[in-house]
Amino acid sequence: MSDVKEQMTKALEHLKQQRDELQVQLHLAKADAKDEWARLEAQWDAIKPRLEAAREEVGKTAESVGAALGMAIDELKKGYDRLRNRL
C-alpha cells in the first residue's frame, strides 16, 4: 500500500513540476508575443502614411518607391504570420 501512495505522490509532484514549467513558458510566450506585436505596430505606424501617400500618388511614384513599399509590406506580413503561428 505504501508503494502505491509513494508512486502517486511522485506522479503528483511530476505533474506539478510540469504544470509550473508550462505556466512559466506561457508567461514568457505572452511577453514575446507582446514584444513582437509592439515591433509590428511600430512598423505599421511607419509604413501606413507612406502607403496612403503612395496610393494618392499612383502613377506618379517611381518604381523604386513601389518596390521599397512592397518589401516593407512583405516584412510586416511575415511578422504577423510569425506572431499568429506563436499564438
C-alpha atoms as a PDB file:
ATOM      1  CA  MET A   1       0.000   0.000   0.000  1.00  0.00           C
ATOM      2  CA  SER A   2       2.846   2.348   0.815  1.00  0.00           C
ATOM      3  CA  ASP A   3       4.302   1.723  -2.673  1.00  0.00           C
ATOM      4  CA  VAL A   4       1.106   2.914  -4.321  1.00  0.00           C
ATOM      5  CA  LYS A   5       0.999   6.001  -2.123  1.00  0.00           C
ATOM      6  CA  GLU A   6       4.633   6.749  -2.928  1.00  0.00           C
ATOM      7  CA  GLN A   7       4.035   6.316  -6.671  1.00  0.00           C
ATOM      8  CA  MET A   8       1.015   8.616  -6.548  1.00  0.00           C
ATOM      9  CA  THR A   9       2.996  11.212  -4.613  1.00  0.00           C
ATOM     10  CA  LYS A  10       5.783  11.098  -7.203  1.00  0.00           C
ATOM     11  CA  ALA A  11       3.285  11.298 -10.051  1.00  0.00           C
ATOM     12  CA  LEU A  12       1.601  14.327  -8.460  1.00  0.00           C
ATOM     13  CA  GLU A  13       4.960  16.015  -7.891  1.00  0.00           C
ATOM     14  CA  HIS A  14       5.921  15.374 -11.507  1.00  0.00           C
ATOM     15  CA  LEU A  15       2.610  16.794 -12.772  1.00  0.00           C
ATOM     16  CA  LYS A  16       3.002  19.860 -10.552  1.00  0.00           C
ATOM     17  CA  GLN A  17       6.511  20.443 -11.887  1.00  0.00           C
ATOM     18  CA  GLN A  18       5.307  20.130 -15.487  1.00  0.00           C
ATOM     19  CA  ARG A  19       2.419  22.476 -14.761  1.00  0.00           C
ATOM     20  CA  ASP A  20       4.737  25.067 -13.190  1.00  0.00           C
ATOM     21  CA  GLU A  21       7.159  24.862 -16.131  1.00  0.00           C
ATOM     22  CA  LEU A  22       4.327  25.289 -18.638  1.00  0.00           C
ATOM     23  CA  GLN A  23       2.998  28.249 -16.704  1.00  0.00           C
ATOM     24  CA  VAL A  24       6.409  29.953 -16.925  1.00  0.00           C
ATOM     25  CA  GLN A  25       6.684  29.143 -20.635  1.00  0.00           C
ATOM     26  CA  LEU A  26       3.207  30.566 -21.290  1.00  0.00           C
ATOM     27  CA  HIS A  27       4.109  33.727 -19.410  1.00  0.00           C
ATOM     28  CA  LEU A  28       7.288  34.098 -21.465  1.00  0.00           C
ATOM     29  CA  ALA A  29       5.384  33.392 -24.685  1.00  0.00           C
ATOM     30  CA  LYS A  30       2.910  36.131 -23.809  1.00  0.00           C
ATOM     31  CA  ALA A  31       5.769  38.541 -23.208  1.00  0.00           C
ATOM     32  CA  ASP A  32       7.417  37.536 -26.503  1.00  0.00           C
ATOM     33  CA  ALA A  33       4.119  37.950 -28.336  1.00  0.00           C
ATOM     34  CA  LYS A  34       3.610  41.392 -26.792  1.00  0.00           C
ATOM     35  CA  ASP A  35       7.142  42.418 -27.799  1.00  0.00           C
ATOM     36  CA  GLU A  36       6.585  41.156 -31.333  1.00  0.00           C
ATOM     37  CA  TRP A  37       3.244  42.980 -31.505  1.00  0.00           C
ATOM     38  CA  ALA A  38       4.873  46.229 -30.347  1.00  0.00           C
ATOM     39  CA  ARG A  39       7.571  45.857 -33.019  1.00  0.00           C
ATOM     40  CA  LEU A  40       4.967  45.162 -35.692  1.00  0.00           C
ATOM     41  CA  GLU A  41       2.852  48.111 -34.574  1.00  0.00           C
ATOM     42  CA  ALA A  42       5.873  50.388 -34.907  1.00  0.00           C
ATOM     43  CA  GLN A  43       6.399  49.066 -38.445  1.00  0.00           C
ATOM     44  CA  TRP A  44       2.707  49.593 -39.204  1.00  0.00           C
ATOM     45  CA  ASP A  45       2.837  53.156 -37.886  1.00  0.00           C
ATOM     46  CA  ALA A  46       5.885  53.836 -40.069  1.00  0.00           C
ATOM     47  CA  ILE A  47       4.513  52.288 -43.243  1.00  0.00           C
ATOM     48  CA  LYS A  48       0.863  53.402 -43.096  1.00  0.00           C
ATOM     49  CA  PRO A  49       1.463  57.072 -44.021  1.00  0.00           C
ATOM     50  CA  ARG A  50       3.775  56.016 -46.856  1.00  0.00           C
ATOM     51  CA  LEU A  51       1.162  53.611 -48.179  1.00  0.00           C
ATOM     52  CA  GLU A  52      -1.523  56.271 -48.059  1.00  0.00           C
ATOM     53  CA  ALA A  53       0.759  58.772 -49.788  1.00  0.00           C
ATOM     54  CA  ALA A  54       1.720  56.207 -52.424  1.00  0.00           C
ATOM     55  CA  ARG A  55      -1.935  55.409 -53.044  1.00  0.00           C
ATOM     56  CA  GLU A  56      -2.590  59.113 -53.658  1.00  0.00           C
ATOM     57  CA  GLU A  57       0.383  59.351 -55.982  1.00  0.00           C
ATOM     58  CA  VAL A  58      -0.315  56.229 -58.027  1.00  0.00           C
ATOM     59  CA  GLY A  59       1.204  56.667 -61.422  1.00  0.00           C
ATOM     60  CA  LYS A  60       3.470  59.469 -60.251  1.00  0.00           C
ATOM     61  CA  THR A  61       5.754  57.485 -57.972  1.00  0.00           C
ATOM     62  CA  ALA A  62       8.925  55.842 -59.117  1.00  0.00           C
ATOM     63  CA  GLU A  63       9.174  52.075 -59.355  1.00  0.00           C
ATOM     64  CA  SER A  64      11.819  52.023 -56.637  1.00  0.00           C
ATOM     65  CA  VAL A  65       9.384  53.555 -54.146  1.00  0.00           C
ATOM     66  CA  GLY A  66       6.824  50.901 -55.020  1.00  0.00           C
ATOM     67  CA  ALA A  67       9.425  48.162 -54.614  1.00  0.00           C
ATOM     68  CA  ALA A  68      10.547  49.520 -51.235  1.00  0.00           C
ATOM     69  CA  LEU A  69       6.958  49.696 -50.020  1.00  0.00           C
ATOM     70  CA  GLY A  70       6.378  46.163 -51.299  1.00  0.00           C
ATOM     71  CA  MET A  71       9.329  44.930 -49.254  1.00  0.00           C
ATOM     72  CA  ALA A  72       8.074  46.741 -46.156  1.00  0.00           C
ATOM     73  CA  ILE A  73       4.605  45.257 -46.620  1.00  0.00           C
ATOM     74  CA  ASP A  74       6.126  41.806 -47.065  1.00  0.00           C
ATOM     75  CA  GLU A  75       8.152  42.144 -43.876  1.00  0.00           C
ATOM     76  CA  LEU A  76       5.091  43.272 -41.929  1.00  0.00           C
ATOM     77  CA  LYS A  77       3.022  40.376 -43.320  1.00  0.00           C
ATOM     78  CA  LYS A  78       5.723  37.875 -42.341  1.00  0.00           C
ATOM     79  CA  GLY A  79       5.824  39.366 -38.849  1.00  0.00           C
ATOM     80  CA  TYR A  80       2.059  38.970 -38.478  1.00  0.00           C
ATOM     81  CA  ASP A  81       2.338  35.378 -39.707  1.00  0.00           C
ATOM     82  CA  ARG A  82       5.107  34.626 -37.166  1.00  0.00           C
ATOM     83  CA  LEU A  83       3.005  36.086 -34.374  1.00  0.00           C
ATOM     84  CA  ARG A  84      -0.100  34.178 -35.479  1.00  0.00           C
ATOM     85  CA  ASN A  85       1.925  30.933 -35.506  1.00  0.00           C
ATOM     86  CA  ARG A  86       3.150  31.597 -31.957  1.00  0.00           C
ATOM     87  CA  LEU A  87      -0.397  32.016 -30.734  1.00  0.00           C
END
